[in-house]
Amino acid sequence: MLIAYKDIILRDYKEEDIADDIRWMTEEIAWHEWDAPWEAEENFKNFNADRYYEKAMKKLQDKGDDNEFRWKFEIDTKDGIHIGGVNSYLNDIEYNWKPASQGGCLHTLGIDICESAYWYKGYGTQAFTAFINYHFSKGITDIYTETWSGNYPMIAMAEKIGFEVCNYEEKLRELRGQLYDGLTFKLNLEKFNKFHNRYNQNQYL
């Protein structure tokens, strides 16, 4: 499956992406400072490139057809540069991760722009907007996202698109001796529609 929107493309995972994933865990790692940095050291220590390759290849063999709901997409620029990915998962009504069989019902979206050369250029906003529209096309309009209070770029993007804080967990995470809050946002559909209309007319940069 492929979704083109403005300067980005959302697409399914492919074998060539495995090398990028490995590089994003071993060389181009600045993005971990935004995505759960309190887990980064442990993730780096436990990462094994050979095991990762084997698991990724197995997932590729199990890939479904275009009619199946996509929980994640890779992000390319329109000229074919792989820069990151978007994903979604389910939380329960108390905003804890749970599978559907255990009460997971809130579709919660995430994003990583792993190529730091492509930060602050609007690609994240475009990819997240396209991913929201994909959920709308599947009849899913109750949409959430989560982050921590130190992730200023994500907070700014979420608020620009039309998300509003709906849950606040004070001092949830500690990083380098400082405490940060956990934030859950819910998409305000009216605000999103206003943003989307202006965005499609290139009134946002």
N, C-alpha and C. Protein backbone atom coordinates (compact mmCIF):
# COMPACT_ATOMS: atom_id res chain seq x y z
N MET A 1 0.84 -1.20 0.00
CA MET A 1 0.00 0.00 0.00
C MET A 1 0.88 1.24 0.00
N LEU A 2 0.42 2.28 -0.68
CA LEU A 2 1.16 3.53 -0.79
C LEU A 2 0.19 4.70 -0.72
N ILE A 3 0.52 5.69 0.10
CA ILE A 3 -0.29 6.90 0.24
C ILE A 3 0.60 8.10 -0.01
N ALA A 4 0.30 8.88 -1.03
CA ALA A 4 1.07 10.09 -1.33
C ALA A 4 0.33 11.31 -0.80
N TYR A 5 1.08 12.20 -0.14
CA TYR A 5 0.48 13.43 0.40
C TYR A 5 1.55 14.51 0.45
N LYS A 6 1.32 15.58 -0.27
CA LYS A 6 2.27 16.69 -0.32
C LYS A 6 3.67 16.16 -0.66
N ASP A 7 4.65 16.36 0.24
CA ASP A 7 6.04 16.00 -0.06
C ASP A 7 6.46 14.65 0.51
N ILE A 8 5.48 13.87 1.02
CA ILE A 8 5.85 12.57 1.61
C ILE A 8 5.02 11.45 1.00
N ILE A 9 5.50 10.24 1.25
CA ILE A 9 4.79 9.02 0.86
C ILE A 9 4.77 8.09 2.08
N LEU A 10 3.60 7.59 2.43
CA LEU A 10 3.49 6.52 3.41
C LEU A 10 3.39 5.21 2.64
N ARG A 11 4.18 4.23 3.05
CA ARG A 11 4.20 2.97 2.31
C ARG A 11 4.49 1.82 3.25
N ASP A 12 4.27 0.61 2.74
CA ASP A 12 4.58 -0.59 3.51
C ASP A 12 6.08 -0.79 3.63
N TYR A 13 6.44 -1.57 4.63
CA TYR A 13 7.84 -1.93 4.89
C TYR A 13 8.36 -2.81 3.77
N LYS A 14 9.65 -2.66 3.44
CA LYS A 14 10.28 -3.49 2.43
C LYS A 14 11.69 -3.88 2.89
N GLU A 15 12.28 -4.85 2.20
CA GLU A 15 13.55 -5.41 2.65
C GLU A 15 14.64 -4.34 2.75
N GLU A 16 14.64 -3.39 1.84
CA GLU A 16 15.68 -2.36 1.86
C GLU A 16 15.64 -1.50 3.13
N ASP A 17 14.50 -1.50 3.81
CA ASP A 17 14.37 -0.69 5.02
C ASP A 17 15.14 -1.27 6.20
N ILE A 18 15.46 -2.55 6.14
CA ILE A 18 16.13 -3.19 7.27
C ILE A 18 17.46 -2.53 7.55
N ALA A 19 18.22 -2.25 6.50
CA ALA A 19 19.52 -1.59 6.68
C ALA A 19 19.37 -0.22 7.31
N ASP A 20 18.31 0.50 6.94
CA ASP A 20 18.06 1.81 7.56
C ASP A 20 17.75 1.66 9.04
N ASP A 21 16.92 0.68 9.37
CA ASP A 21 16.57 0.45 10.77
C ASP A 21 17.82 0.16 11.60
N ILE A 22 18.69 -0.66 11.06
CA ILE A 22 19.93 -1.00 11.78
C ILE A 22 20.79 0.25 11.95
N ARG A 23 20.89 1.05 10.92
CA ARG A 23 21.68 2.29 11.01
C ARG A 23 21.06 3.24 12.03
N TRP A 24 19.73 3.26 12.12
CA TRP A 24 19.05 4.14 13.08
C TRP A 24 19.19 3.65 14.52
N MET A 25 19.69 2.44 14.69
CA MET A 25 19.96 1.92 16.03
C MET A 25 21.45 1.93 16.37
N THR A 26 22.30 2.24 15.39
CA THR A 26 23.75 2.13 15.61
C THR A 26 24.53 3.39 15.24
N GLU A 27 24.05 4.16 14.28
CA GLU A 27 24.80 5.33 13.80
C GLU A 27 23.98 6.61 13.90
N GLU A 28 22.89 6.66 13.17
CA GLU A 28 22.01 7.85 13.15
C GLU A 28 21.02 7.72 14.30
N ILE A 29 21.44 8.11 15.50
CA ILE A 29 20.66 7.78 16.70
C ILE A 29 20.12 9.01 17.44
N ALA A 30 20.29 10.19 16.87
CA ALA A 30 19.84 11.40 17.57
C ALA A 30 18.35 11.39 17.86
N TRP A 31 17.56 10.70 17.03
CA TRP A 31 16.10 10.69 17.21
C TRP A 31 15.68 10.05 18.53
N HIS A 32 16.56 9.22 19.10
CA HIS A 32 16.23 8.60 20.39
C HIS A 32 16.13 9.63 21.51
N GLU A 33 16.70 10.81 21.31
CA GLU A 33 16.58 11.87 22.32
C GLU A 33 15.15 12.37 22.47
N TRP A 34 14.31 12.08 21.47
CA TRP A 34 12.91 12.50 21.52
C TRP A 34 11.98 11.34 21.83
N ASP A 35 12.30 10.15 21.37
CA ASP A 35 11.42 8.99 21.52
C ASP A 35 11.90 8.13 22.68
N ALA A 36 11.29 8.31 23.85
CA ALA A 36 11.60 7.52 25.05
C ALA A 36 13.11 7.43 25.31
N PRO A 37 13.80 8.57 25.49
CA PRO A 37 15.25 8.53 25.68
C PRO A 37 15.69 7.79 26.93
N TRP A 38 14.80 7.62 27.91
CA TRP A 38 15.14 6.86 29.12
C TRP A 38 15.31 5.37 28.82
N GLU A 39 14.86 4.93 27.65
CA GLU A 39 15.03 3.53 27.25
C GLU A 39 16.20 3.33 26.30
N ALA A 40 16.79 4.42 25.81
CA ALA A 40 17.75 4.32 24.71
C ALA A 40 18.98 3.49 25.07
N GLU A 41 19.58 3.74 26.21
CA GLU A 41 20.81 3.04 26.57
C GLU A 41 20.59 1.53 26.61
N GLU A 42 19.49 1.11 27.22
CA GLU A 42 19.19 -0.33 27.29
C GLU A 42 18.91 -0.89 25.90
N ASN A 43 18.19 -0.14 25.08
CA ASN A 43 17.90 -0.61 23.73
C ASN A 43 19.17 -0.77 22.90
N PHE A 44 20.08 0.18 23.01
CA PHE A 44 21.34 0.09 22.27
C PHE A 44 22.14 -1.13 22.74
N LYS A 45 22.18 -1.34 24.04
CA LYS A 45 22.97 -2.43 24.61
C LYS A 45 22.45 -3.79 24.16
N ASN A 46 21.13 -3.91 24.05
CA ASN A 46 20.52 -5.20 23.71
C ASN A 46 20.35 -5.41 22.21
N PHE A 47 20.65 -4.40 21.40
CA PHE A 47 20.40 -4.51 19.96
C PHE A 47 21.41 -5.43 19.30
N ASN A 48 20.90 -6.37 18.51
CA ASN A 48 21.74 -7.29 17.74
C ASN A 48 21.29 -7.22 16.29
N ALA A 49 22.17 -6.75 15.42
CA ALA A 49 21.80 -6.50 14.02
C ALA A 49 21.39 -7.78 13.31
N ASP A 50 22.09 -8.87 13.56
CA ASP A 50 21.76 -10.13 12.88
C ASP A 50 20.38 -10.64 13.29
N ARG A 51 20.10 -10.59 14.59
CA ARG A 51 18.78 -11.03 15.06
C ARG A 51 17.69 -10.13 14.50
N TYR A 52 17.97 -8.84 14.46
CA TYR A 52 16.98 -7.90 13.93
C TYR A 52 16.68 -8.21 12.47
N TYR A 53 17.72 -8.48 11.70
CA TYR A 53 17.53 -8.78 10.28
C TYR A 53 16.65 -10.02 10.11
N GLU A 54 16.92 -11.06 10.89
CA GLU A 54 16.14 -12.30 10.79
C GLU A 54 14.67 -12.05 11.13
N LYS A 55 14.40 -11.31 12.19
CA LYS A 55 13.02 -11.03 12.59
C LYS A 55 12.31 -10.17 11.55
N ALA A 56 13.03 -9.19 11.00
CA ALA A 56 12.42 -8.31 10.00
C ALA A 56 12.08 -9.08 8.73
N MET A 57 12.95 -9.99 8.32
CA MET A 57 12.69 -10.79 7.13
C MET A 57 11.48 -11.68 7.34
N LYS A 58 11.34 -12.23 8.53
CA LYS A 58 10.18 -13.08 8.81
C LYS A 58 8.88 -12.28 8.74
N LYS A 59 8.90 -11.05 9.27
CA LYS A 59 7.71 -10.20 9.21
C LYS A 59 7.35 -9.88 7.76
N LEU A 60 8.35 -9.67 6.93
CA LEU A 60 8.08 -9.38 5.52
C LEU A 60 7.38 -10.55 4.84
N GLN A 61 7.74 -11.76 5.21
CA GLN A 61 7.12 -12.94 4.63
C GLN A 61 5.66 -13.09 5.05
N ASP A 62 5.32 -12.51 6.20
CA ASP A 62 3.95 -12.61 6.73
C ASP A 62 3.06 -11.44 6.31
N LYS A 63 3.54 -10.60 5.41
CA LYS A 63 2.82 -9.38 5.04
C LYS A 63 1.46 -9.71 4.42
N GLY A 64 0.43 -8.93 4.82
CA GLY A 64 -0.92 -9.15 4.33
C GLY A 64 -1.21 -8.40 3.05
N ASP A 65 -2.49 -8.38 2.67
CA ASP A 65 -2.86 -7.71 1.42
C ASP A 65 -3.27 -6.27 1.68
N ASP A 66 -3.59 -5.55 0.61
CA ASP A 66 -3.86 -4.12 0.71
C ASP A 66 -5.15 -3.81 1.47
N ASN A 67 -6.03 -4.79 1.65
CA ASN A 67 -7.29 -4.55 2.34
C ASN A 67 -7.15 -4.61 3.86
N GLU A 68 -6.04 -5.14 4.35
CA GLU A 68 -5.85 -5.25 5.79
C GLU A 68 -5.49 -3.89 6.39
N PHE A 69 -5.98 -3.65 7.60
CA PHE A 69 -5.67 -2.40 8.29
C PHE A 69 -4.17 -2.32 8.57
N ARG A 70 -3.59 -1.16 8.31
CA ARG A 70 -2.17 -0.96 8.54
C ARG A 70 -1.95 -0.26 9.88
N TRP A 71 -1.19 -0.91 10.75
CA TRP A 71 -0.84 -0.33 12.03
C TRP A 71 0.40 0.54 11.93
N LYS A 72 1.10 0.45 10.81
CA LYS A 72 2.30 1.27 10.65
C LYS A 72 2.59 1.47 9.17
N PHE A 73 3.27 2.54 8.87
CA PHE A 73 3.79 2.83 7.53
C PHE A 73 5.21 3.39 7.67
N GLU A 74 6.00 3.18 6.64
CA GLU A 74 7.28 3.87 6.53
C GLU A 74 7.04 5.22 5.86
N ILE A 75 7.91 6.17 6.15
CA ILE A 75 7.82 7.51 5.55
C ILE A 75 8.96 7.70 4.57
N ASP A 76 8.62 8.02 3.33
CA ASP A 76 9.59 8.44 2.32
C ASP A 76 9.32 9.89 1.94
N THR A 77 10.37 10.60 1.53
CA THR A 77 10.14 11.86 0.84
C THR A 77 9.65 11.52 -0.56
N LYS A 78 9.12 12.51 -1.27
CA LYS A 78 8.59 12.24 -2.60
C LYS A 78 9.67 11.84 -3.59
N ASP A 79 10.95 12.13 -3.25
CA ASP A 79 12.05 11.68 -4.11
C ASP A 79 12.67 10.38 -3.62
N GLY A 80 11.96 9.68 -2.71
CA GLY A 80 12.33 8.31 -2.38
C GLY A 80 13.32 8.13 -1.25
N ILE A 81 13.54 9.15 -0.42
CA ILE A 81 14.43 9.02 0.72
C ILE A 81 13.64 8.53 1.92
N HIS A 82 14.07 7.42 2.49
CA HIS A 82 13.41 6.82 3.65
C HIS A 82 13.85 7.58 4.90
N ILE A 83 12.90 8.23 5.60
CA ILE A 83 13.28 9.10 6.71
C ILE A 83 12.70 8.71 8.06
N GLY A 84 11.81 7.72 8.11
CA GLY A 84 11.23 7.33 9.39
C GLY A 84 9.96 6.52 9.23
N GLY A 85 9.08 6.62 10.23
CA GLY A 85 7.85 5.84 10.17
C GLY A 85 6.78 6.38 11.09
N VAL A 86 5.55 5.95 10.83
CA VAL A 86 4.41 6.22 11.72
C VAL A 86 3.83 4.88 12.17
N ASN A 87 3.22 4.89 13.34
CA ASN A 87 2.62 3.65 13.83
C ASN A 87 1.40 3.99 14.68
N SER A 88 0.55 3.00 14.91
CA SER A 88 -0.58 3.18 15.82
C SER A 88 -0.72 1.94 16.68
N TYR A 89 -1.31 2.13 17.85
CA TYR A 89 -1.52 1.05 18.80
C TYR A 89 -2.76 1.39 19.61
N LEU A 90 -3.19 0.45 20.44
CA LEU A 90 -4.41 0.64 21.23
C LEU A 90 -4.08 0.88 22.70
N ASN A 91 -4.76 1.84 23.27
CA ASN A 91 -4.75 2.05 24.72
C ASN A 91 -6.15 1.77 25.26
N ASP A 92 -6.22 1.47 26.57
CA ASP A 92 -7.54 1.33 27.19
C ASP A 92 -8.04 2.72 27.64
N ILE A 93 -9.19 2.76 28.29
CA ILE A 93 -9.80 4.04 28.63
C ILE A 93 -9.03 4.78 29.73
N GLU A 94 -8.06 4.10 30.35
CA GLU A 94 -7.19 4.76 31.32
C GLU A 94 -5.84 5.11 30.70
N TYR A 95 -5.77 5.02 29.38
CA TYR A 95 -4.60 5.42 28.59
C TYR A 95 -3.38 4.53 28.83
N ASN A 96 -3.64 3.25 29.09
CA ASN A 96 -2.58 2.26 29.20
C ASN A 96 -2.62 1.35 27.98
N TRP A 97 -1.43 0.98 27.48
CA TRP A 97 -1.39 0.11 26.31
C TRP A 97 -2.05 -1.23 26.62
N LYS A 98 -2.98 -1.64 25.76
CA LYS A 98 -3.65 -2.93 25.89
C LYS A 98 -4.06 -3.41 24.50
N PRO A 99 -3.96 -4.70 24.23
CA PRO A 99 -4.53 -5.22 22.99
C PRO A 99 -6.05 -5.16 23.04
N ALA A 100 -6.68 -5.28 21.90
CA ALA A 100 -8.14 -5.19 21.84
C ALA A 100 -8.81 -6.22 22.73
N SER A 101 -8.21 -7.41 22.82
CA SER A 101 -8.79 -8.49 23.62
C SER A 101 -8.78 -8.18 25.12
N GLN A 102 -7.99 -7.18 25.53
CA GLN A 102 -7.89 -6.83 26.95
C GLN A 102 -8.38 -5.40 27.22
N GLY A 103 -9.18 -4.88 26.32
CA GLY A 103 -9.79 -3.58 26.55
C GLY A 103 -9.18 -2.43 25.78
N GLY A 104 -8.20 -2.71 24.93
CA GLY A 104 -7.63 -1.64 24.11
C GLY A 104 -8.65 -1.14 23.10
N CYS A 105 -8.92 0.16 23.11
CA CYS A 105 -9.97 0.69 22.25
C CYS A 105 -9.66 2.08 21.70
N LEU A 106 -8.62 2.73 22.23
CA LEU A 106 -8.28 4.08 21.81
C LEU A 106 -7.10 4.03 20.83
N HIS A 107 -7.35 4.39 19.59
CA HIS A 107 -6.28 4.37 18.58
C HIS A 107 -5.31 5.52 18.85
N THR A 108 -4.07 5.15 19.13
CA THR A 108 -3.05 6.10 19.54
C THR A 108 -1.91 6.08 18.52
N LEU A 109 -1.58 7.25 17.99
CA LEU A 109 -0.63 7.35 16.88
C LEU A 109 0.72 7.86 17.35
N GLY A 110 1.77 7.35 16.69
CA GLY A 110 3.13 7.80 16.98
C GLY A 110 3.90 8.04 15.69
N ILE A 111 5.02 8.74 15.81
CA ILE A 111 5.84 9.05 14.64
C ILE A 111 7.30 9.19 15.06
N ASP A 112 8.20 8.77 14.18
CA ASP A 112 9.63 9.01 14.34
C ASP A 112 10.19 9.48 13.01
N ILE A 113 10.80 10.65 12.98
CA ILE A 113 11.61 11.07 11.85
C ILE A 113 13.05 10.78 12.26
N CYS A 114 13.59 9.69 11.75
CA CYS A 114 14.88 9.19 12.22
C CYS A 114 16.07 9.86 11.54
N GLU A 115 15.86 10.37 10.35
CA GLU A 115 16.92 11.07 9.63
C GLU A 115 16.95 12.53 10.08
N SER A 116 17.94 12.87 10.89
CA SER A 116 17.95 14.20 11.50
C SER A 116 18.10 15.33 10.48
N ALA A 117 18.62 15.03 9.30
CA ALA A 117 18.73 16.06 8.25
C ALA A 117 17.36 16.52 7.76
N TYR A 118 16.31 15.77 8.11
CA TYR A 118 14.96 16.10 7.65
C TYR A 118 14.07 16.63 8.78
N TRP A 119 14.66 16.97 9.90
CA TRP A 119 13.90 17.58 10.99
C TRP A 119 13.55 19.03 10.66
N TYR A 120 12.46 19.49 11.24
CA TYR A 120 12.04 20.89 11.18
C TYR A 120 11.82 21.38 9.75
N LYS A 121 11.37 20.48 8.90
CA LYS A 121 11.10 20.85 7.51
C LYS A 121 9.66 20.53 7.10
N GLY A 122 8.84 20.14 8.07
CA GLY A 122 7.43 19.90 7.79
C GLY A 122 7.07 18.47 7.43
N TYR A 123 8.07 17.59 7.31
CA TYR A 123 7.76 16.22 6.90
C TYR A 123 6.95 15.48 7.96
N GLY A 124 7.25 15.73 9.23
CA GLY A 124 6.50 15.07 10.29
C GLY A 124 5.04 15.47 10.29
N THR A 125 4.76 16.75 10.13
CA THR A 125 3.38 17.22 10.06
C THR A 125 2.65 16.60 8.89
N GLN A 126 3.30 16.53 7.75
CA GLN A 126 2.68 15.93 6.57
C GLN A 126 2.39 14.45 6.79
N ALA A 127 3.36 13.73 7.33
CA ALA A 127 3.18 12.29 7.54
C ALA A 127 2.09 12.01 8.56
N PHE A 128 2.06 12.78 9.65
CA PHE A 128 1.06 12.57 10.69
C PHE A 128 -0.33 12.90 10.16
N THR A 129 -0.43 13.96 9.37
CA THR A 129 -1.72 14.33 8.78
C THR A 129 -2.21 13.24 7.84
N ALA A 130 -1.32 12.71 7.02
CA ALA A 130 -1.69 11.63 6.10
C ALA A 130 -2.13 10.38 6.87
N PHE A 131 -1.46 10.10 7.99
CA PHE A 131 -1.79 8.92 8.79
C PHE A 131 -3.16 9.11 9.46
N ILE A 132 -3.44 10.31 9.92
CA ILE A 132 -4.77 10.61 10.48
C ILE A 132 -5.84 10.40 9.40
N ASN A 133 -5.59 10.91 8.21
CA ASN A 133 -6.55 10.74 7.12
C ASN A 133 -6.76 9.27 6.78
N TYR A 134 -5.70 8.48 6.88
CA TYR A 134 -5.84 7.03 6.64
C TYR A 134 -6.80 6.43 7.67
N HIS A 135 -6.66 6.81 8.93
CA HIS A 135 -7.58 6.30 9.95
C HIS A 135 -9.01 6.74 9.67
N PHE A 136 -9.18 8.00 9.24
CA PHE A 136 -10.52 8.46 8.88
C PHE A 136 -11.12 7.58 7.78
N SER A 137 -10.30 7.20 6.81
CA SER A 137 -10.79 6.38 5.69
C SER A 137 -11.25 5.01 6.15
N LYS A 138 -10.80 4.59 7.33
CA LYS A 138 -11.20 3.30 7.91
C LYS A 138 -12.31 3.47 8.94
N GLY A 139 -12.88 4.68 9.02
CA GLY A 139 -13.97 4.93 9.95
C GLY A 139 -13.53 5.20 11.37
N ILE A 140 -12.24 5.47 11.58
CA ILE A 140 -11.70 5.72 12.92
C ILE A 140 -11.49 7.22 13.08
N THR A 141 -12.29 7.84 13.92
CA THR A 141 -12.18 9.29 14.12
C THR A 141 -11.81 9.66 15.56
N ASP A 142 -11.83 8.69 16.45
CA ASP A 142 -11.45 8.91 17.85
C ASP A 142 -9.95 8.61 17.95
N ILE A 143 -9.12 9.63 17.85
CA ILE A 143 -7.69 9.45 17.65
C ILE A 143 -6.90 10.17 18.74
N TYR A 144 -5.83 9.51 19.21
CA TYR A 144 -5.01 10.02 20.30
C TYR A 144 -3.54 9.98 19.91
N THR A 145 -2.72 10.69 20.67
CA THR A 145 -1.28 10.55 20.58
C THR A 145 -0.70 10.78 21.97
N GLU A 146 0.50 10.29 22.21
CA GLU A 146 1.14 10.40 23.51
C GLU A 146 2.57 10.90 23.36
N THR A 147 3.05 11.61 24.36
CA THR A 147 4.46 11.98 24.40
C THR A 147 4.81 12.36 25.83
N TRP A 148 6.00 12.89 26.01
CA TRP A 148 6.45 13.35 27.32
C TRP A 148 6.74 14.85 27.23
N SER A 149 6.73 15.52 28.37
CA SER A 149 6.75 16.98 28.38
C SER A 149 8.05 17.58 27.86
N GLY A 150 9.10 16.77 27.71
CA GLY A 150 10.35 17.27 27.15
C GLY A 150 10.43 17.17 25.64
N ASN A 151 9.44 16.57 25.02
CA ASN A 151 9.45 16.40 23.56
C ASN A 151 8.74 17.60 22.91
N TYR A 152 9.44 18.73 22.91
CA TYR A 152 8.83 19.98 22.45
C TYR A 152 8.40 19.94 20.98
N PRO A 153 9.19 19.34 20.08
CA PRO A 153 8.74 19.30 18.67
C PRO A 153 7.43 18.54 18.49
N MET A 154 7.28 17.41 19.20
CA MET A 154 6.06 16.62 19.07
C MET A 154 4.86 17.38 19.64
N ILE A 155 5.05 18.03 20.78
CA ILE A 155 3.97 18.80 21.38
C ILE A 155 3.51 19.91 20.44
N ALA A 156 4.47 20.62 19.85
CA ALA A 156 4.13 21.72 18.95
C ALA A 156 3.38 21.21 17.72
N MET A 157 3.83 20.08 17.16
CA MET A 157 3.15 19.54 15.99
C MET A 157 1.74 19.09 16.33
N ALA A 158 1.59 18.38 17.45
CA ALA A 158 0.27 17.87 17.85
C ALA A 158 -0.71 19.02 18.03
N GLU A 159 -0.29 20.07 18.70
CA GLU A 159 -1.19 21.20 18.94
C GLU A 159 -1.52 21.93 17.64
N LYS A 160 -0.56 22.03 16.74
CA LYS A 160 -0.81 22.69 15.45
C LYS A 160 -1.86 21.93 14.64
N ILE A 161 -1.79 20.61 14.67
CA ILE A 161 -2.72 19.79 13.90
C ILE A 161 -4.13 19.83 14.48
N GLY A 162 -4.23 19.99 15.80
CA GLY A 162 -5.56 20.03 16.41
C GLY A 162 -5.74 19.10 17.59
N PHE A 163 -4.65 18.56 18.13
CA PHE A 163 -4.74 17.72 19.33
C PHE A 163 -4.81 18.60 20.58
N GLU A 164 -5.52 18.09 21.59
CA GLU A 164 -5.62 18.77 22.88
C GLU A 164 -5.29 17.77 23.99
N VAL A 165 -4.62 18.24 25.03
CA VAL A 165 -4.27 17.36 26.15
C VAL A 165 -5.54 16.85 26.82
N CYS A 166 -5.61 15.54 27.00
CA CYS A 166 -6.77 14.94 27.67
C CYS A 166 -6.37 14.15 28.91
N ASN A 167 -5.07 13.90 29.07
CA ASN A 167 -4.60 13.19 30.27
C ASN A 167 -3.18 13.65 30.57
N TYR A 168 -2.94 13.86 31.86
CA TYR A 168 -1.68 14.46 32.31
C TYR A 168 -1.17 13.65 33.50
N GLU A 169 0.01 13.05 33.36
CA GLU A 169 0.60 12.27 34.45
C GLU A 169 1.85 12.99 34.92
N GLU A 170 1.75 13.60 36.07
CA GLU A 170 2.84 14.44 36.58
C GLU A 170 4.04 13.59 37.01
N LYS A 171 5.22 14.06 36.63
CA LYS A 171 6.49 13.44 37.04
C LYS A 171 6.52 11.94 36.72
N LEU A 172 6.13 11.61 35.52
CA LEU A 172 6.05 10.21 35.11
C LEU A 172 7.41 9.62 34.77
N ARG A 173 8.30 10.44 34.19
CA ARG A 173 9.59 9.94 33.72
C ARG A 173 10.73 10.76 34.33
N GLU A 174 11.84 10.07 34.58
CA GLU A 174 13.05 10.76 35.02
C GLU A 174 14.13 10.59 33.97
N LEU A 175 14.76 11.68 33.61
CA LEU A 175 15.82 11.66 32.61
C LEU A 175 16.93 12.61 33.04
N ARG A 176 18.10 12.05 33.25
CA ARG A 176 19.28 12.83 33.65
C ARG A 176 18.98 13.72 34.86
N GLY A 177 18.30 13.14 35.82
CA GLY A 177 18.03 13.84 37.07
C GLY A 177 16.86 14.80 37.05
N GLN A 178 16.16 14.89 35.93
CA GLN A 178 15.01 15.79 35.83
C GLN A 178 13.74 14.98 35.59
N LEU A 179 12.65 15.41 36.21
CA LEU A 179 11.37 14.72 36.08
C LEU A 179 10.54 15.36 34.97
N TYR A 180 9.87 14.50 34.19
CA TYR A 180 9.02 14.97 33.09
C TYR A 180 7.64 14.35 33.21
N ASP A 181 6.65 15.07 32.69
CA ASP A 181 5.27 14.62 32.74
C ASP A 181 4.92 13.79 31.51
N GLY A 182 3.98 12.89 31.68
CA GLY A 182 3.42 12.14 30.55
C GLY A 182 2.17 12.83 30.04
N LEU A 183 2.06 12.99 28.73
CA LEU A 183 0.95 13.71 28.13
C LEU A 183 0.22 12.82 27.12
N THR A 184 -1.09 12.77 27.22
CA THR A 184 -1.92 12.14 26.20
C THR A 184 -2.80 13.22 25.57
N PHE A 185 -2.85 13.21 24.25
CA PHE A 185 -3.64 14.18 23.50
C PHE A 185 -4.76 13.47 22.75
N LYS A 186 -5.90 14.14 22.63
CA LYS A 186 -7.00 13.66 21.79
C LYS A 186 -7.21 14.64 20.65
N LEU A 187 -7.48 14.11 19.46
CA LEU A 187 -7.69 14.96 18.30
C LEU A 187 -9.05 15.64 18.37
N ASN A 188 -9.04 16.97 18.32
CA ASN A 188 -10.26 17.76 18.22
C ASN A 188 -10.60 17.84 16.73
N LEU A 189 -11.68 17.20 16.32
CA LEU A 189 -11.99 17.09 14.89
C LEU A 189 -12.25 18.44 14.25
N GLU A 190 -12.90 19.34 14.97
CA GLU A 190 -13.18 20.66 14.41
C GLU A 190 -11.87 21.41 14.16
N LYS A 191 -10.98 21.37 15.12
CA LYS A 191 -9.69 22.04 14.95
C LYS A 191 -8.89 21.40 13.82
N PHE A 192 -8.92 20.06 13.75
CA PHE A 192 -8.18 19.38 12.69
C PHE A 192 -8.72 19.76 11.32
N ASN A 193 -10.02 19.80 11.19
CA ASN A 193 -10.60 20.14 9.88
C ASN A 193 -10.21 21.56 9.46
N LYS A 194 -10.20 22.49 10.40
CA LYS A 194 -9.77 23.85 10.08
C LYS A 194 -8.31 23.87 9.66
N PHE A 195 -7.48 23.16 10.43
CA PHE A 195 -6.06 23.06 10.07
C PHE A 195 -5.89 22.44 8.70
N HIS A 196 -6.60 21.34 8.47
CA HIS A 196 -6.43 20.57 7.24
C HIS A 196 -6.82 21.39 6.02
N ASN A 197 -7.91 22.12 6.13
CA ASN A 197 -8.34 22.96 5.00
C ASN A 197 -7.29 24.02 4.67
N ARG A 198 -6.75 24.66 5.69
CA ARG A 198 -5.73 25.68 5.45
C ARG A 198 -4.43 25.04 4.97
N TYR A 199 -4.10 23.89 5.53
CA TYR A 199 -2.85 23.20 5.17
C TYR A 199 -2.87 22.79 3.71
N ASN A 200 -4.01 22.30 3.25
CA ASN A 200 -4.11 21.89 1.85
C ASN A 200 -4.06 23.07 0.90
N GLN A 201 -4.32 24.27 1.42
CA GLN A 201 -4.19 25.48 0.61
C GLN A 201 -2.82 26.15 0.80
N ASN A 202 -1.91 25.38 1.46
CA ASN A 202 -0.54 25.85 1.68
C ASN A 202 -0.48 27.14 2.50
N GLN A 203 -1.42 27.28 3.45
CA GLN A 203 -1.41 28.44 4.33
C GLN A 203 -0.58 28.20 5.58
N TYR A 204 -0.10 26.94 5.75
CA TYR A 204 0.85 26.64 6.81
C TYR A 204 2.15 26.25 6.14
N LEU A 205 3.28 26.66 6.72
CA LEU A 205 4.58 26.28 6.19
C LEU A 205 5.11 25.10 6.96
